[in-house]
Amino acid sequence: MKRLLHFLLFSFCLLAAIACGKKNGEKITYRFAPELNKPVVYNFTSTTEMNAGGKDVSIQMRMKMQMTPTARENGVTTISTQVLDMSASTGNEEADRSMEQSMQQFKQLFSTLHIITQVNERGNTVGKTSYEGLPKEYAAMFQSQMGGSTDFSNNLKYFPEYPIGQGDSWTGKTHGDKADCDATYTLEEVTNDALTVSFKGKMTLKNNPQGTIHITVEGSCQYNRKTGMNIPGTFKAETKATSAGQQVKSTVTM
């Protein structure tokens, strides 16, 4: 249960971290300034393919999440994220029945969970992520296991501080005890309402019980020009992870 829980949260947090007439040639400066107390709902779906025990397995996971900006001070916005619903399926009736028991435990646990993050005007998280509404033992476990995700978000620069135009690219890098990541972003399109950004990167997770994990990721996302928030339904990414000769492929939409 703990390993699956870690996978869910890591995917969730990282990923928590992304058309009207074209504006070719326009230079823009991204700013994260969502309307306070106005929740945004995202439907997260991931399809993961792997080999387990000599058998090819495909797992589809769905989560309905709500992100609510609750406060802002000195340009830093506090975001409270909740998991409203979640499910998982493999297409195997027996396996799905067994997994449903774990899902019910997760649902009960997540029903009181509020993930609190601080996001600056560049869209980068700052400080430590906290997990409120959980029993102390689970809160401590989340804080310990998710430290690497917080370090990623704190150091990756999703948008540069200087103005950018359609076709411009920039990089984000972070290197730490638990993880290394190098990513390249490109502003693909600017419209009156949205910014379309593609991304490609490599990630290495270190000091894991399963050994070093190498991950590649590629995808795109649209951002609301007024609020800076990811536009629901526009995030798409494909990842490949390898560890000890085993490969896991995932397709994510949100």
C-alpha atoms as a PDB file:
ATOM      1  CA  MET A   1       0.000   0.000   0.000  1.00  0.00           C
ATOM      2  CA  LYS A   2       2.789   2.418   0.901  1.00  0.00           C
ATOM      3  CA  ARG A   3       4.604   1.904  -2.441  1.00  0.00           C
ATOM      4  CA  LEU A   4       1.442   2.538  -4.448  1.00  0.00           C
ATOM      5  CA  LEU A   5       0.627   5.518  -2.235  1.00  0.00           C
ATOM      6  CA  HIS A   6       4.089   6.973  -2.863  1.00  0.00           C
ATOM      7  CA  PHE A   7       3.636   6.506  -6.630  1.00  0.00           C
ATOM      8  CA  LEU A   8       0.232   8.207  -6.543  1.00  0.00           C
ATOM      9  CA  LEU A   9       1.465  11.195  -4.594  1.00  0.00           C
ATOM     10  CA  PHE A  10       4.672  11.610  -6.582  1.00  0.00           C
ATOM     11  CA  SER A  11       2.747  11.629  -9.832  1.00  0.00           C
ATOM     12  CA  PHE A  12       0.142  13.904  -8.315  1.00  0.00           C
ATOM     13  CA  CYS A  13       2.577  16.461  -6.873  1.00  0.00           C
ATOM     14  CA  LEU A  14       4.769  16.644  -9.856  1.00  0.00           C
ATOM     15  CA  LEU A  15       2.250  16.790 -11.952  1.00  0.00           C
ATOM     16  CA  ALA A  16       0.307  19.243  -9.949  1.00  0.00           C
ATOM     17  CA  ALA A  17       3.604  21.234 -10.537  1.00  0.00           C
ATOM     18  CA  ILE A  18       1.356  23.129 -16.009  1.00  0.00           C
ATOM     19  CA  ALA A  19      -7.497  30.090 -28.464  1.00  0.00           C
ATOM     20  CA  CYS A  20      -8.339  32.794 -29.752  1.00  0.00           C
ATOM     21  CA  GLY A  21      -6.349  34.607 -32.532  1.00  0.00           C
ATOM     22  CA  LYS A  22      -2.610  33.989 -32.661  1.00  0.00           C
ATOM     23  CA  LYS A  23      -0.226  36.580 -31.269  1.00  0.00           C
ATOM     24  CA  ASN A  24       2.857  35.834 -33.352  1.00  0.00           C
ATOM     25  CA  GLY A  25       5.813  38.020 -32.377  1.00  0.00           C
ATOM     26  CA  GLU A  26       4.272  39.133 -29.077  1.00  0.00           C
ATOM     27  CA  LYS A  27       6.575  38.999 -26.059  1.00  0.00           C
ATOM     28  CA  ILE A  28       4.884  38.040 -22.805  1.00  0.00           C
ATOM     29  CA  THR A  29       5.916  37.689 -19.174  1.00  0.00           C
ATOM     30  CA  TYR A  30       4.151  34.814 -17.461  1.00  0.00           C
ATOM     31  CA  ARG A  31       2.516  35.595 -14.108  1.00  0.00           C
ATOM     32  CA  PHE A  32       0.801  33.180 -11.731  1.00  0.00           C
ATOM     33  CA  ALA A  33      -2.105  35.108 -10.190  1.00  0.00           C
ATOM     34  CA  PRO A  34      -5.203  32.883  -9.875  1.00  0.00           C
ATOM     35  CA  GLU A  35      -8.447  34.254  -8.467  1.00  0.00           C
ATOM     36  CA  LEU A  36      -8.592  33.539  -4.736  1.00  0.00           C
ATOM     37  CA  ASN A  37     -11.142  31.056  -3.406  1.00  0.00           C
ATOM     38  CA  LYS A  38     -12.126  29.988  -6.923  1.00  0.00           C
ATOM     39  CA  PRO A  39     -11.448  26.239  -7.201  1.00  0.00           C
ATOM     40  CA  VAL A  40     -10.277  24.595 -10.421  1.00  0.00           C
ATOM     41  CA  VAL A  41     -11.068  20.907 -10.985  1.00  0.00           C
ATOM     42  CA  TYR A  42      -8.737  18.570 -12.880  1.00  0.00           C
ATOM     43  CA  ASN A  43      -9.407  15.012 -14.045  1.00  0.00           C
ATOM     44  CA  PHE A  44      -6.089  13.150 -13.902  1.00  0.00           C
ATOM     45  CA  THR A  45      -5.805   9.941 -15.943  1.00  0.00           C
ATOM     46  CA  SER A  46      -2.726   7.758 -16.280  1.00  0.00           C
ATOM     47  CA  THR A  47      -2.216   4.537 -18.204  1.00  0.00           C
ATOM     48  CA  THR A  48       0.855   2.615 -17.061  1.00  0.00           C
ATOM     49  CA  GLU A  49       2.321  -0.416 -18.823  1.00  0.00           C
ATOM     50  CA  MET A  50       4.845  -2.704 -17.153  1.00  0.00           C
ATOM     51  CA  ASN A  51       5.966  -6.299 -16.798  1.00  0.00           C
ATOM     52  CA  ALA A  52       5.198  -7.844 -13.410  1.00  0.00           C
ATOM     53  CA  GLY A  53       6.109 -11.426 -12.622  1.00  0.00           C
ATOM     54  CA  GLY A  54       6.713 -12.189 -16.289  1.00  0.00           C
ATOM     55  CA  LYS A  55       3.312 -10.836 -17.317  1.00  0.00           C
ATOM     56  CA  ASP A  56       2.533  -7.624 -19.186  1.00  0.00           C
ATOM     57  CA  VAL A  57       0.282  -5.448 -17.029  1.00  0.00           C
ATOM     58  CA  SER A  58      -1.613  -2.269 -17.894  1.00  0.00           C
ATOM     59  CA  ILE A  59      -3.007  -0.131 -15.067  1.00  0.00           C
ATOM     60  CA  GLN A  60      -5.315   2.815 -15.601  1.00  0.00           C
ATOM     61  CA  MET A  61      -5.685   5.272 -12.756  1.00  0.00           C
ATOM     62  CA  ARG A  62      -8.116   8.160 -12.476  1.00  0.00           C
ATOM     63  CA  MET A  63      -8.168  10.968  -9.930  1.00  0.00           C
ATOM     64  CA  LYS A  64     -10.484  13.943  -9.688  1.00  0.00           C
ATOM     65  CA  MET A  65      -8.589  16.787  -8.026  1.00  0.00           C
ATOM     66  CA  GLN A  66      -9.537  20.267  -6.914  1.00  0.00           C
ATOM     67  CA  MET A  67      -7.014  23.089  -6.554  1.00  0.00           C
ATOM     68  CA  THR A  68      -8.119  26.179  -4.628  1.00  0.00           C
ATOM     69  CA  PRO A  69      -6.027  29.363  -4.243  1.00  0.00           C
ATOM     70  CA  THR A  70      -6.735  30.391  -0.647  1.00  0.00           C
ATOM     71  CA  ALA A  71      -4.400  33.321   0.102  1.00  0.00           C
ATOM     72  CA  ARG A  72      -1.708  35.564  -1.387  1.00  0.00           C
ATOM     73  CA  GLU A  73       1.090  37.529   0.265  1.00  0.00           C
ATOM     74  CA  ASN A  74       4.049  39.273  -1.358  1.00  0.00           C
ATOM     75  CA  GLY A  75       3.290  37.610  -4.691  1.00  0.00           C
ATOM     76  CA  VAL A  76       3.181  34.089  -3.217  1.00  0.00           C
ATOM     77  CA  THR A  77      -0.137  32.226  -3.545  1.00  0.00           C
ATOM     78  CA  THR A  78      -1.212  29.447  -1.182  1.00  0.00           C
ATOM     79  CA  ILE A  79      -2.834  26.507  -2.982  1.00  0.00           C
ATOM     80  CA  SER A  80      -4.921  23.838  -1.243  1.00  0.00           C
ATOM     81  CA  THR A  81      -5.306  20.644  -3.286  1.00  0.00           C
ATOM     82  CA  GLN A  82      -7.796  17.874  -2.546  1.00  0.00           C
ATOM     83  CA  VAL A  83      -8.411  14.474  -4.124  1.00  0.00           C
ATOM     84  CA  LEU A  84     -12.179  14.281  -4.671  1.00  0.00           C
ATOM     85  CA  ASP A  85     -12.293  10.788  -6.143  1.00  0.00           C
ATOM     86  CA  MET A  86      -9.975   8.069  -7.398  1.00  0.00           C
ATOM     87  CA  SER A  87     -10.114   4.668  -9.058  1.00  0.00           C
ATOM     88  CA  ALA A  88      -7.822   2.128 -10.692  1.00  0.00           C
ATOM     89  CA  SER A  89      -8.339  -0.756 -13.088  1.00  0.00           C
ATOM     90  CA  THR A  90      -6.276  -3.369 -14.922  1.00  0.00           C
ATOM     91  CA  GLY A  91      -8.907  -4.956 -17.150  1.00  0.00           C
ATOM     92  CA  ASN A  92      -8.553  -8.145 -15.096  1.00  0.00           C
ATOM     93  CA  GLU A  93     -11.686  -8.736 -13.036  1.00  0.00           C
ATOM     94  CA  GLU A  94      -9.958 -10.615 -10.216  1.00  0.00           C
ATOM     95  CA  ALA A  95      -7.110  -8.105  -9.949  1.00  0.00           C
ATOM     96  CA  ASP A  96      -9.565  -5.199 -10.041  1.00  0.00           C
ATOM     97  CA  ARG A  97     -11.557  -6.641  -7.138  1.00  0.00           C
ATOM     98  CA  SER A  98      -8.390  -6.916  -5.093  1.00  0.00           C
ATOM     99  CA  MET A  99      -7.279  -3.398  -6.076  1.00  0.00           C
ATOM    100  CA  GLU A 100     -10.671  -1.941  -5.189  1.00  0.00           C
ATOM    101  CA  GLN A 101     -10.079  -2.850  -1.535  1.00  0.00           C
ATOM    102  CA  SER A 102      -6.903  -0.753  -1.547  1.00  0.00           C
ATOM    103  CA  MET A 103      -8.684   2.070  -3.396  1.00  0.00           C
ATOM    104  CA  GLN A 104     -11.316   2.234  -0.682  1.00  0.00           C
ATOM    105  CA  GLN A 105      -8.550   2.641   1.912  1.00  0.00           C
ATOM    106  CA  PHE A 106      -6.942   5.378  -0.173  1.00  0.00           C
ATOM    107  CA  LYS A 107     -10.262   7.150  -0.647  1.00  0.00           C
ATOM    108  CA  GLN A 108     -10.909   7.142   3.076  1.00  0.00           C
ATOM    109  CA  LEU A 109      -7.413   8.434   3.771  1.00  0.00           C
ATOM    110  CA  PHE A 110      -7.490  11.084   1.018  1.00  0.00           C
ATOM    111  CA  SER A 111     -10.979  12.330   1.925  1.00  0.00           C
ATOM    112  CA  THR A 112      -9.466  14.488   4.687  1.00  0.00           C
ATOM    113  CA  LEU A 113      -6.177  15.321   2.942  1.00  0.00           C
ATOM    114  CA  HIS A 114      -5.322  18.901   1.967  1.00  0.00           C
ATOM    115  CA  ILE A 115      -1.965  19.319   0.195  1.00  0.00           C
ATOM    116  CA  ILE A 116      -0.775  22.864   0.882  1.00  0.00           C
ATOM    117  CA  THR A 117       1.762  24.462  -1.477  1.00  0.00           C
ATOM    118  CA  GLN A 118       3.138  27.987  -1.906  1.00  0.00           C
ATOM    119  CA  VAL A 119       3.533  29.188  -5.509  1.00  0.00           C
ATOM    120  CA  ASN A 120       5.329  32.356  -6.598  1.00  0.00           C
ATOM    121  CA  GLU A 121       4.510  34.560  -9.595  1.00  0.00           C
ATOM    122  CA  ARG A 122       6.735  32.478 -11.883  1.00  0.00           C
ATOM    123  CA  GLY A 123       4.611  29.388 -11.156  1.00  0.00           C
ATOM    124  CA  ASN A 124       7.330  27.747  -9.036  1.00  0.00           C
ATOM    125  CA  THR A 125       6.658  26.299  -5.595  1.00  0.00           C
ATOM    126  CA  VAL A 126       8.601  27.756  -2.694  1.00  0.00           C
ATOM    127  CA  GLY A 127       9.114  26.434   0.820  1.00  0.00           C
ATOM    128  CA  LYS A 128       7.896  23.057   2.040  1.00  0.00           C
ATOM    129  CA  THR A 129       4.741  21.276   0.969  1.00  0.00           C
ATOM    130  CA  SER A 130       2.533  20.278   3.908  1.00  0.00           C
ATOM    131  CA  TYR A 131      -0.068  17.512   4.205  1.00  0.00           C
ATOM    132  CA  GLU A 132      -2.934  18.528   6.437  1.00  0.00           C
ATOM    133  CA  GLY A 133      -5.865  16.507   7.720  1.00  0.00           C
ATOM    134  CA  LEU A 134      -3.988  13.216   8.059  1.00  0.00           C
ATOM    135  CA  PRO A 135      -3.122  11.056  11.068  1.00  0.00           C
ATOM    136  CA  LYS A 136       0.332  11.997  12.336  1.00  0.00           C
ATOM    137  CA  GLU A 137       1.995   8.780  11.162  1.00  0.00           C
ATOM    138  CA  TYR A 138       0.773   9.245   7.580  1.00  0.00           C
ATOM    139  CA  ALA A 139       1.581  12.956   7.529  1.00  0.00           C
ATOM    140  CA  ALA A 140       5.155  12.183   8.595  1.00  0.00           C
ATOM    141  CA  MET A 141       5.439   9.428   5.976  1.00  0.00           C
ATOM    142  CA  PHE A 142       4.197  11.720   3.202  1.00  0.00           C
ATOM    143  CA  GLN A 143       6.568  14.497   4.268  1.00  0.00           C
ATOM    144  CA  SER A 144       9.511  12.110   4.285  1.00  0.00           C
ATOM    145  CA  GLN A 145       8.727  10.333   1.002  1.00  0.00           C
ATOM    146  CA  MET A 146       7.675  13.423  -0.943  1.00  0.00           C
ATOM    147  CA  GLY A 147      10.667  15.569  -0.026  1.00  0.00           C
ATOM    148  CA  GLY A 148      12.207  14.870  -3.426  1.00  0.00           C
ATOM    149  CA  SER A 149       9.139  16.197  -5.220  1.00  0.00           C
ATOM    150  CA  THR A 150       9.251  19.404  -3.213  1.00  0.00           C
ATOM    151  CA  ASP A 151      12.938  19.879  -4.068  1.00  0.00           C
ATOM    152  CA  PHE A 152      12.120  19.389  -7.770  1.00  0.00           C
ATOM    153  CA  SER A 153       9.368  21.960  -7.759  1.00  0.00           C
ATOM    154  CA  ASN A 154      11.416  24.476  -5.803  1.00  0.00           C
ATOM    155  CA  ASN A 155      14.292  24.397  -8.274  1.00  0.00           C
ATOM    156  CA  LEU A 156      12.747  23.809 -11.697  1.00  0.00           C
ATOM    157  CA  LYS A 157      11.946  27.095 -13.412  1.00  0.00           C
ATOM    158  CA  TYR A 158       8.768  26.465 -15.366  1.00  0.00           C
ATOM    159  CA  PHE A 159       8.812  30.012 -16.799  1.00  0.00           C
ATOM    160  CA  PRO A 160      11.753  32.430 -17.066  1.00  0.00           C
ATOM    161  CA  GLU A 161      11.731  35.867 -15.439  1.00  0.00           C
ATOM    162  CA  TYR A 162      12.362  37.613 -18.780  1.00  0.00           C
ATOM    163  CA  PRO A 163       9.768  38.158 -21.565  1.00  0.00           C
ATOM    164  CA  ILE A 164       9.378  35.297 -24.051  1.00  0.00           C
ATOM    165  CA  GLY A 165       7.744  34.962 -27.453  1.00  0.00           C
ATOM    166  CA  GLN A 166       6.375  32.196 -29.623  1.00  0.00           C
ATOM    167  CA  GLY A 167       9.162  29.756 -30.481  1.00  0.00           C
ATOM    168  CA  ASP A 168      11.420  30.724 -27.551  1.00  0.00           C
ATOM    169  CA  SER A 169      12.899  27.951 -25.374  1.00  0.00           C
ATOM    170  CA  TRP A 170      14.377  27.879 -21.871  1.00  0.00           C
ATOM    171  CA  THR A 171      15.733  25.252 -19.504  1.00  0.00           C
ATOM    172  CA  GLY A 172      15.102  24.127 -15.946  1.00  0.00           C
ATOM    173  CA  LYS A 173      17.589  22.121 -13.908  1.00  0.00           C
ATOM    174  CA  THR A 174      17.759  20.744 -10.392  1.00  0.00           C
ATOM    175  CA  HIS A 175      20.326  18.465  -8.786  1.00  0.00           C
ATOM    176  CA  GLY A 176      20.041  17.108  -5.256  1.00  0.00           C
ATOM    177  CA  ASP A 177      20.594  14.131  -2.981  1.00  0.00           C
ATOM    178  CA  LYS A 178      17.375  12.400  -4.038  1.00  0.00           C
ATOM    179  CA  ALA A 179      16.928  13.460  -7.636  1.00  0.00           C
ATOM    180  CA  ASP A 180      18.409  15.171 -10.691  1.00  0.00           C
ATOM    181  CA  CYS A 181      16.337  16.697 -13.480  1.00  0.00           C
ATOM    182  CA  ASP A 182      17.048  18.576 -16.708  1.00  0.00           C
ATOM    183  CA  ALA A 183      14.118  19.926 -18.729  1.00  0.00           C
ATOM    184  CA  THR A 184      13.660  22.095 -21.815  1.00  0.00           C
ATOM    185  CA  TYR A 185      10.495  24.135 -22.392  1.00  0.00           C
ATOM    186  CA  THR A 186       9.294  25.831 -25.596  1.00  0.00           C
ATOM    187  CA  LEU A 187       6.525  28.407 -25.962  1.00  0.00           C
ATOM    188  CA  GLU A 188       4.734  26.885 -28.950  1.00  0.00           C
ATOM    189  CA  GLU A 189       1.803  29.273 -29.296  1.00  0.00           C
ATOM    190  CA  VAL A 190       0.458  32.521 -27.825  1.00  0.00           C
ATOM    191  CA  THR A 191      -3.229  33.424 -28.173  1.00  0.00           C
ATOM    192  CA  ASN A 192      -5.484  35.964 -26.489  1.00  0.00           C
ATOM    193  CA  ASP A 193      -6.461  33.435 -23.832  1.00  0.00           C
ATOM    194  CA  ALA A 194      -3.740  30.799 -23.572  1.00  0.00           C
ATOM    195  CA  LEU A 195      -0.055  29.922 -23.696  1.00  0.00           C
ATOM    196  CA  THR A 196       0.838  26.524 -25.149  1.00  0.00           C
ATOM    197  CA  VAL A 197       4.108  25.125 -23.800  1.00  0.00           C
ATOM    198  CA  SER A 198       5.848  21.884 -24.769  1.00  0.00           C
ATOM    199  CA  PHE A 199       8.420  20.218 -22.550  1.00  0.00           C
ATOM    200  CA  LYS A 200      10.996  17.455 -22.715  1.00  0.00           C
ATOM    201  CA  GLY A 201      13.286  16.241 -19.963  1.00  0.00           C
ATOM    202  CA  LYS A 202      15.270  13.576 -18.177  1.00  0.00           C
ATOM    203  CA  MET A 203      15.018  12.717 -14.483  1.00  0.00           C
ATOM    204  CA  THR A 204      17.043  10.457 -12.204  1.00  0.00           C
ATOM    205  CA  LEU A 205      15.637   9.334  -8.856  1.00  0.00           C
ATOM    206  CA  LYS A 206      18.368   8.232  -6.467  1.00  0.00           C
ATOM    207  CA  ASN A 207      18.525   6.436  -3.110  1.00  0.00           C
ATOM    208  CA  ASN A 208      15.430   4.333  -3.808  1.00  0.00           C
ATOM    209  CA  PRO A 209      14.894   0.823  -2.384  1.00  0.00           C
ATOM    210  CA  GLN A 210      14.294  -0.348  -5.984  1.00  0.00           C
ATOM    211  CA  GLY A 211      17.587   1.206  -7.117  1.00  0.00           C
ATOM    212  CA  THR A 212      18.272   4.220  -9.316  1.00  0.00           C
ATOM    213  CA  ILE A 213      15.315   5.098 -11.561  1.00  0.00           C
ATOM    214  CA  HIS A 214      15.871   6.873 -14.899  1.00  0.00           C
ATOM    215  CA  ILE A 215      12.865   8.701 -16.357  1.00  0.00           C
ATOM    216  CA  THR A 216      12.274  10.533 -19.628  1.00  0.00           C
ATOM    217  CA  VAL A 217       9.235  12.751 -20.103  1.00  0.00           C
ATOM    218  CA  GLU A 218       7.759  14.626 -23.054  1.00  0.00           C
ATOM    219  CA  GLY A 219       4.503  16.519 -23.379  1.00  0.00           C
ATOM    220  CA  SER A 220       2.646  19.815 -23.529  1.00  0.00           C
ATOM    221  CA  CYS A 221       0.245  21.987 -21.562  1.00  0.00           C
ATOM    222  CA  GLN A 222      -1.803  25.153 -21.943  1.00  0.00           C
ATOM    223  CA  TYR A 223      -1.845  27.960 -19.361  1.00  0.00           C
ATOM    224  CA  ASN A 224      -4.585  30.528 -18.819  1.00  0.00           C
ATOM    225  CA  ARG A 225      -3.056  33.935 -19.630  1.00  0.00           C
ATOM    226  CA  LYS A 226      -5.136  35.756 -17.035  1.00  0.00           C
ATOM    227  CA  THR A 227      -4.601  33.437 -14.054  1.00  0.00           C
ATOM    228  CA  GLY A 228      -1.465  31.480 -14.969  1.00  0.00           C
ATOM    229  CA  MET A 229      -3.220  28.222 -14.019  1.00  0.00           C
ATOM    230  CA  ASN A 230      -3.032  25.069 -16.128  1.00  0.00           C
ATOM    231  CA  ILE A 231      -6.153  24.857 -18.299  1.00  0.00           C
ATOM    232  CA  PRO A 232      -8.030  21.651 -17.371  1.00  0.00           C
ATOM    233  CA  GLY A 233      -7.830  18.948 -20.020  1.00  0.00           C
ATOM    234  CA  THR A 234      -4.778  20.367 -21.818  1.00  0.00           C
ATOM    235  CA  PHE A 235      -1.904  18.631 -19.975  1.00  0.00           C
ATOM    236  CA  LYS A 236      -0.536  15.601 -21.841  1.00  0.00           C
ATOM    237  CA  ALA A 237       2.689  13.730 -21.127  1.00  0.00           C
ATOM    238  CA  GLU A 238       4.408  10.447 -21.901  1.00  0.00           C
ATOM    239  CA  THR A 239       7.014   9.026 -19.550  1.00  0.00           C
ATOM    240  CA  LYS A 240       9.382   6.071 -19.649  1.00  0.00           C
ATOM    241  CA  ALA A 241      11.071   4.843 -16.479  1.00  0.00           C
ATOM    242  CA  THR A 242      13.788   2.195 -16.243  1.00  0.00           C
ATOM    243  CA  SER A 243      15.212   0.542 -13.138  1.00  0.00           C
ATOM    244  CA  ALA A 244      17.219  -2.681 -12.837  1.00  0.00           C
ATOM    245  CA  GLY A 245      16.445  -3.541 -16.464  1.00  0.00           C
ATOM    246  CA  GLN A 246      12.691  -3.102 -16.077  1.00  0.00           C
ATOM    247  CA  GLN A 247      10.819  -0.459 -18.069  1.00  0.00           C
ATOM    248  CA  VAL A 248       7.564   1.261 -17.160  1.00  0.00           C
ATOM    249  CA  LYS A 249       5.684   3.406 -19.696  1.00  0.00           C
ATOM    250  CA  SER A 250       2.992   5.898 -18.722  1.00  0.00           C
ATOM    251  CA  THR A 251       0.668   8.243 -20.566  1.00  0.00           C
ATOM    252  CA  VAL A 252      -0.822  11.038 -18.462  1.00  0.00           C
ATOM    253  CA  THR A 253      -3.581  13.550 -19.179  1.00  0.00           C
ATOM    254  CA  MET A 254      -5.013  16.197 -16.886  1.00  0.00           C
END
